[in-house]
Amino acid sequence: MNILKINWRKVFKFAFENMSALDELIELIDTSKQAVADGKISNEERSQLMSKYWKLIRALKEAQNRP
Protein backbone atom coordinates (compact mmCIF):
# COMPACT_ATOMS: atom_id res chain seq x y z
CA MET A 1 0.00 0.00 0.00
CA ASN A 2 1.32 3.36 -0.96
CA ILE A 3 1.02 5.58 2.10
CA LEU A 4 0.96 8.68 -0.09
CA LYS A 5 -2.25 7.55 -1.82
CA ILE A 6 -4.19 7.32 1.45
CA ASN A 7 -6.75 10.09 1.85
CA TRP A 8 -5.58 11.17 5.30
CA ARG A 9 -8.29 13.81 5.55
CA LYS A 10 -10.95 11.08 5.39
CA VAL A 11 -9.06 8.93 7.88
CA PHE A 12 -8.81 11.72 10.44
CA LYS A 13 -12.39 12.84 9.85
CA PHE A 14 -13.66 9.28 10.42
CA ALA A 15 -11.49 8.92 13.53
CA PHE A 16 -12.71 12.21 14.97
CA GLU A 17 -16.39 11.53 14.25
CA ASN A 18 -16.25 7.93 15.50
CA MET A 19 -13.68 8.18 18.27
CA SER A 20 -15.70 5.96 20.61
CA ALA A 21 -15.68 3.12 18.04
CA LEU A 22 -11.93 3.14 17.35
CA ASP A 23 -11.17 0.52 20.00
CA GLU A 24 -13.66 -1.86 18.39
CA LEU A 25 -12.25 -1.16 14.92
CA ILE A 26 -8.69 -1.87 16.03
CA GLU A 27 -9.84 -5.01 17.82
CA LEU A 28 -11.57 -6.24 14.63
CA ILE A 29 -8.48 -5.51 12.54
CA ASP A 30 -6.19 -7.35 14.97
CA THR A 31 -8.53 -10.34 15.11
CA SER A 32 -8.75 -10.36 11.30
CA LYS A 33 -4.98 -10.34 10.92
CA GLN A 34 -4.63 -13.25 13.35
CA ALA A 35 -7.42 -15.20 11.62
CA VAL A 36 -5.85 -15.02 8.15
CA ALA A 37 -2.25 -15.51 9.27
CA ASP A 38 -2.34 -19.25 8.50
CA GLY A 39 -4.28 -18.80 5.25
CA LYS A 40 -7.48 -20.34 6.63
CA ILE A 41 -10.32 -19.09 8.79
CA SER A 42 -11.71 -21.71 11.14
CA ASN A 43 -15.32 -21.73 12.30
CA GLU A 44 -14.21 -20.45 15.72
CA GLU A 45 -12.28 -17.60 14.11
CA ARG A 46 -15.24 -16.81 11.85
CA SER A 47 -17.47 -16.63 14.90
CA GLN A 48 -15.03 -14.30 16.68
CA LEU A 49 -14.83 -12.07 13.60
CA MET A 50 -18.60 -11.77 13.33
CA SER A 51 -18.85 -11.00 17.04
CA LYS A 52 -16.23 -8.24 16.73
CA TYR A 53 -17.93 -6.94 13.57
CA TRP A 54 -21.31 -6.55 15.26
CA LYS A 55 -19.65 -4.96 18.28
CA LEU A 56 -18.14 -2.38 15.91
CA ILE A 57 -21.51 -1.79 14.19
CA ARG A 58 -23.19 -1.17 17.57
CA ALA A 59 -20.44 1.28 18.57
CA LEU A 60 -20.78 3.16 15.27
CA LYS A 61 -24.54 3.30 15.68
CA GLU A 62 -24.16 4.69 19.20
CA ALA A 63 -21.66 7.27 17.96
CA GLN A 64 -24.17 8.40 15.31
CA ASN A 65 -26.90 8.84 17.87
CA ARG A 66 -24.81 11.08 20.13
CA PRO A 67 -25.22 14.83 19.73
PDB file of N, CA and C in Angstrom:
ATOM      1  N   MET A   1       0.848  -1.169   0.000  1.00  0.00           N
ATOM      2  CA  MET A   1       0.000   0.000   0.000  1.00  0.00           C
ATOM      3  C   MET A   1       0.893   1.231   0.000  1.00  0.00           C
ATOM      4  N   ASN A   2       0.568   2.121  -0.881  1.00  0.00           N
ATOM      5  CA  ASN A   2       1.323   3.363  -0.958  1.00  0.00           C
ATOM      6  C   ASN A   2       0.729   4.357   0.032  1.00  0.00           C
ATOM      7  N   ILE A   3       1.501   4.696   1.028  1.00  0.00           N
ATOM      8  CA  ILE A   3       1.020   5.578   2.103  1.00  0.00           C
ATOM      9  C   ILE A   3       0.669   6.972   1.581  1.00  0.00           C
ATOM     10  N   LEU A   4       1.248   7.365   0.465  1.00  0.00           N
ATOM     11  CA  LEU A   4       0.956   8.684  -0.093  1.00  0.00           C
ATOM     12  C   LEU A   4      -0.415   8.739  -0.765  1.00  0.00           C
ATOM     13  N   LYS A   5      -0.954   7.586  -1.145  1.00  0.00           N
ATOM     14  CA  LYS A   5      -2.253   7.553  -1.819  1.00  0.00           C
ATOM     15  C   LYS A   5      -3.426   7.495  -0.843  1.00  0.00           C
ATOM     16  N   ILE A   6      -3.141   7.366   0.435  1.00  0.00           N
ATOM     17  CA  ILE A   6      -4.195   7.320   1.448  1.00  0.00           C
ATOM     18  C   ILE A   6      -4.786   8.717   1.606  1.00  0.00           C
ATOM     19  N   ASN A   7      -6.087   8.803   1.639  1.00  0.00           N
ATOM     20  CA  ASN A   7      -6.747  10.090   1.849  1.00  0.00           C
ATOM     21  C   ASN A   7      -6.782  10.345   3.357  1.00  0.00           C
ATOM     22  N   TRP A   8      -5.735  10.969   3.863  1.00  0.00           N
ATOM     23  CA  TRP A   8      -5.578  11.172   5.300  1.00  0.00           C
ATOM     24  C   TRP A   8      -6.678  12.049   5.878  1.00  0.00           C
ATOM     25  N   ARG A   9      -7.199  12.955   5.088  1.00  0.00           N
ATOM     26  CA  ARG A   9      -8.292  13.811   5.554  1.00  0.00           C
ATOM     27  C   ARG A   9      -9.495  12.957   5.942  1.00  0.00           C
ATOM     28  N   LYS A  10      -9.829  11.976   5.094  1.00  0.00           N
ATOM     29  CA  LYS A  10     -10.951  11.081   5.390  1.00  0.00           C
ATOM     30  C   LYS A  10     -10.674  10.224   6.616  1.00  0.00           C
ATOM     31  N   VAL A  11      -9.434   9.768   6.738  1.00  0.00           N
ATOM     32  CA  VAL A  11      -9.055   8.932   7.883  1.00  0.00           C
ATOM     33  C   VAL A  11      -9.233   9.707   9.182  1.00  0.00           C
ATOM     34  N   PHE A  12      -8.714  10.924   9.227  1.00  0.00           N
ATOM     35  CA  PHE A  12      -8.813  11.725  10.444  1.00  0.00           C
ATOM     36  C   PHE A  12     -10.249  12.158  10.720  1.00  0.00           C
ATOM     37  N   LYS A  13     -10.996  12.461   9.677  1.00  0.00           N
ATOM     38  CA  LYS A  13     -12.394  12.841   9.852  1.00  0.00           C
ATOM     39  C   LYS A  13     -13.187  11.671  10.442  1.00  0.00           C
ATOM     40  N   PHE A  14     -12.983  10.468   9.889  1.00  0.00           N
ATOM     41  CA  PHE A  14     -13.656   9.284  10.422  1.00  0.00           C
ATOM     42  C   PHE A  14     -13.263   9.062  11.878  1.00  0.00           C
ATOM     43  N   ALA A  15     -11.979   9.146  12.169  1.00  0.00           N
ATOM     44  CA  ALA A  15     -11.495   8.917  13.535  1.00  0.00           C
ATOM     45  C   ALA A  15     -12.096   9.923  14.504  1.00  0.00           C
ATOM     46  N   PHE A  16     -12.164  11.182  14.093  1.00  0.00           N
ATOM     47  CA  PHE A  16     -12.709  12.215  14.967  1.00  0.00           C
ATOM     48  C   PHE A  16     -14.205  12.003  15.205  1.00  0.00           C
ATOM     49  N   GLU A  17     -14.945  11.695  14.133  1.00  0.00           N
ATOM     50  CA  GLU A  17     -16.395  11.531  14.251  1.00  0.00           C
ATOM     51  C   GLU A  17     -16.784  10.245  14.977  1.00  0.00           C
ATOM     52  N   ASN A  18     -15.921   9.237  14.935  1.00  0.00           N
ATOM     53  CA  ASN A  18     -16.251   7.932  15.503  1.00  0.00           C
ATOM     54  C   ASN A  18     -15.231   7.493  16.540  1.00  0.00           C
ATOM     55  N   MET A  19     -14.730   8.452  17.305  1.00  0.00           N
ATOM     56  CA  MET A  19     -13.675   8.180  18.268  1.00  0.00           C
ATOM     57  C   MET A  19     -14.038   7.040  19.233  1.00  0.00           C
ATOM     58  N   SER A  20     -15.295   6.972  19.640  1.00  0.00           N
ATOM     59  CA  SER A  20     -15.696   5.958  20.607  1.00  0.00           C
ATOM     60  C   SER A  20     -15.693   4.551  20.008  1.00  0.00           C
ATOM     61  N   ALA A  21     -15.662   4.436  18.687  1.00  0.00           N
ATOM     62  CA  ALA A  21     -15.678   3.122  18.042  1.00  0.00           C
ATOM     63  C   ALA A  21     -14.287   2.669  17.601  1.00  0.00           C
ATOM     64  N   LEU A  22     -13.277   3.485  17.818  1.00  0.00           N
ATOM     65  CA  LEU A  22     -11.932   3.143  17.350  1.00  0.00           C
ATOM     66  C   LEU A  22     -11.370   1.898  18.027  1.00  0.00           C
ATOM     67  N   ASP A  23     -11.651   1.721  19.304  1.00  0.00           N
ATOM     68  CA  ASP A  23     -11.174   0.520  19.997  1.00  0.00           C
ATOM     69  C   ASP A  23     -11.742  -0.742  19.346  1.00  0.00           C
ATOM     70  N   GLU A  24     -13.029  -0.713  19.024  1.00  0.00           N
ATOM     71  CA  GLU A  24     -13.661  -1.859  18.386  1.00  0.00           C
ATOM     72  C   GLU A  24     -13.090  -2.101  16.987  1.00  0.00           C
ATOM     73  N   LEU A  25     -12.828  -1.028  16.259  1.00  0.00           N
ATOM     74  CA  LEU A  25     -12.253  -1.155  14.920  1.00  0.00           C
ATOM     75  C   LEU A  25     -10.872  -1.791  14.980  1.00  0.00           C
ATOM     76  N   ILE A  26     -10.044  -1.317  15.885  1.00  0.00           N
ATOM     77  CA  ILE A  26      -8.692  -1.865  16.026  1.00  0.00           C
ATOM     78  C   ILE A  26      -8.749  -3.322  16.460  1.00  0.00           C
ATOM     79  N   GLU A  27      -9.669  -3.638  17.361  1.00  0.00           N
ATOM     80  CA  GLU A  27      -9.845  -5.013  17.821  1.00  0.00           C
ATOM     81  C   GLU A  27     -10.242  -5.927  16.655  1.00  0.00           C
ATOM     82  N   LEU A  28     -11.150  -5.457  15.802  1.00  0.00           N
ATOM     83  CA  LEU A  28     -11.575  -6.240  14.634  1.00  0.00           C
ATOM     84  C   LEU A  28     -10.413  -6.437  13.665  1.00  0.00           C
ATOM     85  N   ILE A  29      -9.633  -5.398  13.440  1.00  0.00           N
ATOM     86  CA  ILE A  29      -8.485  -5.510  12.537  1.00  0.00           C
ATOM     87  C   ILE A  29      -7.461  -6.502  13.080  1.00  0.00           C
ATOM     88  N   ASP A  30      -7.151  -6.409  14.362  1.00  0.00           N
ATOM     89  CA  ASP A  30      -6.194  -7.346  14.970  1.00  0.00           C
ATOM     90  C   ASP A  30      -6.685  -8.786  14.873  1.00  0.00           C
ATOM     91  N   THR A  31      -7.953  -9.001  15.182  1.00  0.00           N
ATOM     92  CA  THR A  31      -8.531 -10.343  15.111  1.00  0.00           C
ATOM     93  C   THR A  31      -8.495 -10.854  13.677  1.00  0.00           C
ATOM     94  N   SER A  32      -8.772  -9.985  12.717  1.00  0.00           N
ATOM     95  CA  SER A  32      -8.753 -10.364  11.302  1.00  0.00           C
ATOM     96  C   SER A  32      -7.353 -10.780  10.868  1.00  0.00           C
ATOM     97  N   LYS A  33      -6.360 -10.012  11.278  1.00  0.00           N
ATOM     98  CA  LYS A  33      -4.981 -10.337  10.920  1.00  0.00           C
ATOM     99  C   LYS A  33      -4.566 -11.689  11.486  1.00  0.00           C
ATOM    100  N   GLN A  34      -4.959 -11.959  12.727  1.00  0.00           N
ATOM    101  CA  GLN A  34      -4.630 -13.247  13.348  1.00  0.00           C
ATOM    102  C   GLN A  34      -5.358 -14.390  12.646  1.00  0.00           C
ATOM    103  N   ALA A  35      -6.605 -14.143  12.234  1.00  0.00           N
ATOM    104  CA  ALA A  35      -7.417 -15.196  11.621  1.00  0.00           C
ATOM    105  C   ALA A  35      -6.869 -15.610  10.255  1.00  0.00           C
ATOM    106  N   VAL A  36      -6.326 -14.684   9.498  1.00  0.00           N
ATOM    107  CA  VAL A  36      -5.854 -15.018   8.155  1.00  0.00           C
ATOM    108  C   VAL A  36      -4.359 -15.329   8.101  1.00  0.00           C
ATOM    109  N   ALA A  37      -3.696 -15.287   9.237  1.00  0.00           N
ATOM    110  CA  ALA A  37      -2.245 -15.514   9.269  1.00  0.00           C
ATOM    111  C   ALA A  37      -1.863 -16.886   8.717  1.00  0.00           C
ATOM    112  N   ASP A  38      -2.669 -17.898   8.976  1.00  0.00           N
ATOM    113  CA  ASP A  38      -2.342 -19.247   8.500  1.00  0.00           C
ATOM    114  C   ASP A  38      -2.980 -19.566   7.149  1.00  0.00           C
ATOM    115  N   GLY A  39      -3.674 -18.600   6.567  1.00  0.00           N
ATOM    116  CA  GLY A  39      -4.279 -18.803   5.254  1.00  0.00           C
ATOM    117  C   GLY A  39      -5.662 -19.412   5.289  1.00  0.00           C
ATOM    118  N   LYS A  40      -6.145 -19.752   6.477  1.00  0.00           N
ATOM    119  CA  LYS A  40      -7.481 -20.335   6.630  1.00  0.00           C
ATOM    120  C   LYS A  40      -8.199 -19.624   7.764  1.00  0.00           C
ATOM    121  N   ILE A  41      -9.526 -19.640   7.691  1.00  0.00           N
ATOM    122  CA  ILE A  41     -10.321 -19.092   8.786  1.00  0.00           C
ATOM    123  C   ILE A  41     -11.202 -20.219   9.310  1.00  0.00           C
ATOM    124  N   SER A  42     -10.937 -20.632  10.536  1.00  0.00           N
ATOM    125  CA  SER A  42     -11.712 -21.715  11.144  1.00  0.00           C
ATOM    126  C   SER A  42     -13.094 -21.204  11.542  1.00  0.00           C
ATOM    127  N   ASN A  43     -13.970 -22.116  11.870  1.00  0.00           N
ATOM    128  CA  ASN A  43     -15.316 -21.729  12.304  1.00  0.00           C
ATOM    129  C   ASN A  43     -15.259 -20.883  13.573  1.00  0.00           C
ATOM    130  N   GLU A  44     -14.363 -21.228  14.481  1.00  0.00           N
ATOM    131  CA  GLU A  44     -14.212 -20.454  15.716  1.00  0.00           C
ATOM    132  C   GLU A  44     -13.744 -19.024  15.408  1.00  0.00           C
ATOM    133  N   GLU A  45     -12.772 -18.923  14.503  1.00  0.00           N
ATOM    134  CA  GLU A  45     -12.283 -17.596  14.113  1.00  0.00           C
ATOM    135  C   GLU A  45     -13.373 -16.801  13.400  1.00  0.00           C
ATOM    136  N   ARG A  46     -14.137 -17.471  12.556  1.00  0.00           N
ATOM    137  CA  ARG A  46     -15.236 -16.810  11.850  1.00  0.00           C
ATOM    138  C   ARG A  46     -16.256 -16.271  12.851  1.00  0.00           C
ATOM    139  N   SER A  47     -16.538 -17.052  13.858  1.00  0.00           N
ATOM    140  CA  SER A  47     -17.474 -16.630  14.899  1.00  0.00           C
ATOM    141  C   SER A  47     -16.933 -15.415  15.653  1.00  0.00           C
ATOM    142  N   GLN A  48     -15.655 -15.431  15.985  1.00  0.00           N
ATOM    143  CA  GLN A  48     -15.026 -14.298  16.676  1.00  0.00           C
ATOM    144  C   GLN A  48     -15.075 -13.040  15.805  1.00  0.00           C
ATOM    145  N   LEU A  49     -14.800 -13.208  14.511  1.00  0.00           N
ATOM    146  CA  LEU A  49     -14.826 -12.067  13.599  1.00  0.00           C
ATOM    147  C   LEU A  49     -16.214 -11.460  13.511  1.00  0.00           C
ATOM    148  N   MET A  50     -17.235 -12.289  13.416  1.00  0.00           N
ATOM    149  CA  MET A  50     -18.601 -11.773  13.331  1.00  0.00           C
ATOM    150  C   MET A  50     -18.995 -11.073  14.630  1.00  0.00           C
ATOM    151  N   SER A  51     -18.569 -11.622  15.744  1.00  0.00           N
ATOM    152  CA  SER A  51     -18.853 -10.999  17.044  1.00  0.00           C
ATOM    153  C   SER A  51     -18.208  -9.616  17.125  1.00  0.00           C
ATOM    154  N   LYS A  52     -16.946  -9.529  16.711  1.00  0.00           N
ATOM    155  CA  LYS A  52     -16.234  -8.238  16.733  1.00  0.00           C
ATOM    156  C   LYS A  52     -16.862  -7.260  15.737  1.00  0.00           C
ATOM    157  N   TYR A  53     -17.292  -7.779  14.584  1.00  0.00           N
ATOM    158  CA  TYR A  53     -17.931  -6.939  13.565  1.00  0.00           C
ATOM    159  C   TYR A  53     -19.198  -6.288  14.113  1.00  0.00           C
ATOM    160  N   TRP A  54     -20.061  -7.092  14.730  1.00  0.00           N
ATOM    161  CA  TRP A  54     -21.314  -6.548  15.259  1.00  0.00           C
ATOM    162  C   TRP A  54     -21.067  -5.613  16.433  1.00  0.00           C
ATOM    163  N   LYS A  55     -20.023  -5.867  17.194  1.00  0.00           N
ATOM    164  CA  LYS A  55     -19.652  -4.958  18.276  1.00  0.00           C
ATOM    165  C   LYS A  55     -19.261  -3.591  17.693  1.00  0.00           C
ATOM    166  N   LEU A  56     -18.522  -3.612  16.587  1.00  0.00           N
ATOM    167  CA  LEU A  56     -18.142  -2.376  15.908  1.00  0.00           C
ATOM    168  C   LEU A  56     -19.374  -1.653  15.360  1.00  0.00           C
ATOM    169  N   ILE A  57     -20.287  -2.387  14.750  1.00  0.00           N
ATOM    170  CA  ILE A  57     -21.507  -1.787  14.194  1.00  0.00           C
ATOM    171  C   ILE A  57     -22.312  -1.106  15.303  1.00  0.00           C
ATOM    172  N   ARG A  58     -22.458  -1.780  16.443  1.00  0.00           N
ATOM    173  CA  ARG A  58     -23.188  -1.174  17.567  1.00  0.00           C
ATOM    174  C   ARG A  58     -22.503   0.109  18.039  1.00  0.00           C
ATOM    175  N   ALA A  59     -21.184   0.090  18.132  1.00  0.00           N
ATOM    176  CA  ALA A  59     -20.442   1.275  18.567  1.00  0.00           C
ATOM    177  C   ALA A  59     -20.600   2.425  17.578  1.00  0.00           C
ATOM    178  N   LEU A  60     -20.583   2.119  16.277  1.00  0.00           N
ATOM    179  CA  LEU A  60     -20.784   3.161  15.268  1.00  0.00           C
ATOM    180  C   LEU A  60     -22.184   3.732  15.332  1.00  0.00           C
ATOM    181  N   LYS A  61     -23.142   2.855  15.566  1.00  0.00           N
ATOM    182  CA  LYS A  61     -24.538   3.297  15.676  1.00  0.00           C
ATOM    183  C   LYS A  61     -24.706   4.227  16.887  1.00  0.00           C
ATOM    184  N   GLU A  62     -24.106   3.864  18.009  1.00  0.00           N
ATOM    185  CA  GLU A  62     -24.164   4.685  19.204  1.00  0.00           C
ATOM    186  C   GLU A  62     -23.492   6.031  18.974  1.00  0.00           C
ATOM    187  N   ALA A  63     -22.371   6.029  18.250  1.00  0.00           N
ATOM    188  CA  ALA A  63     -21.661   7.270  17.955  1.00  0.00           C
ATOM    189  C   ALA A  63     -22.503   8.181  17.081  1.00  0.00           C
ATOM    190  N   GLN A  64     -23.276   7.600  16.179  1.00  0.00           N
ATOM    191  CA  GLN A  64     -24.167   8.398  15.310  1.00  0.00           C
ATOM    192  C   GLN A  64     -25.274   9.052  16.100  1.00  0.00           C
ATOM    193  N   ASN A  65     -25.768   8.360  17.107  1.00  0.00           N
ATOM    194  CA  ASN A  65     -26.904   8.840  17.871  1.00  0.00           C
ATOM    195  C   ASN A  65     -26.532   9.876  18.921  1.00  0.00           C
ATOM    196  N   ARG A  66     -25.239  10.076  19.155  1.00  0.00           N
ATOM    197  CA  ARG A  66     -24.807  11.076  20.134  1.00  0.00           C
ATOM    198  C   ARG A  66     -24.815  12.468  19.503  1.00  0.00           C
ATOM    199  N   PRO A  67     -25.215  13.454  20.280  1.00  0.00           N
ATOM    200  CA  PRO A  67     -25.221  14.833  19.731  1.00  0.00           C
ATOM    201  C   PRO A  67     -23.833  15.397  19.575  1.00  0.00           C
TER     202      PRO A  67
END
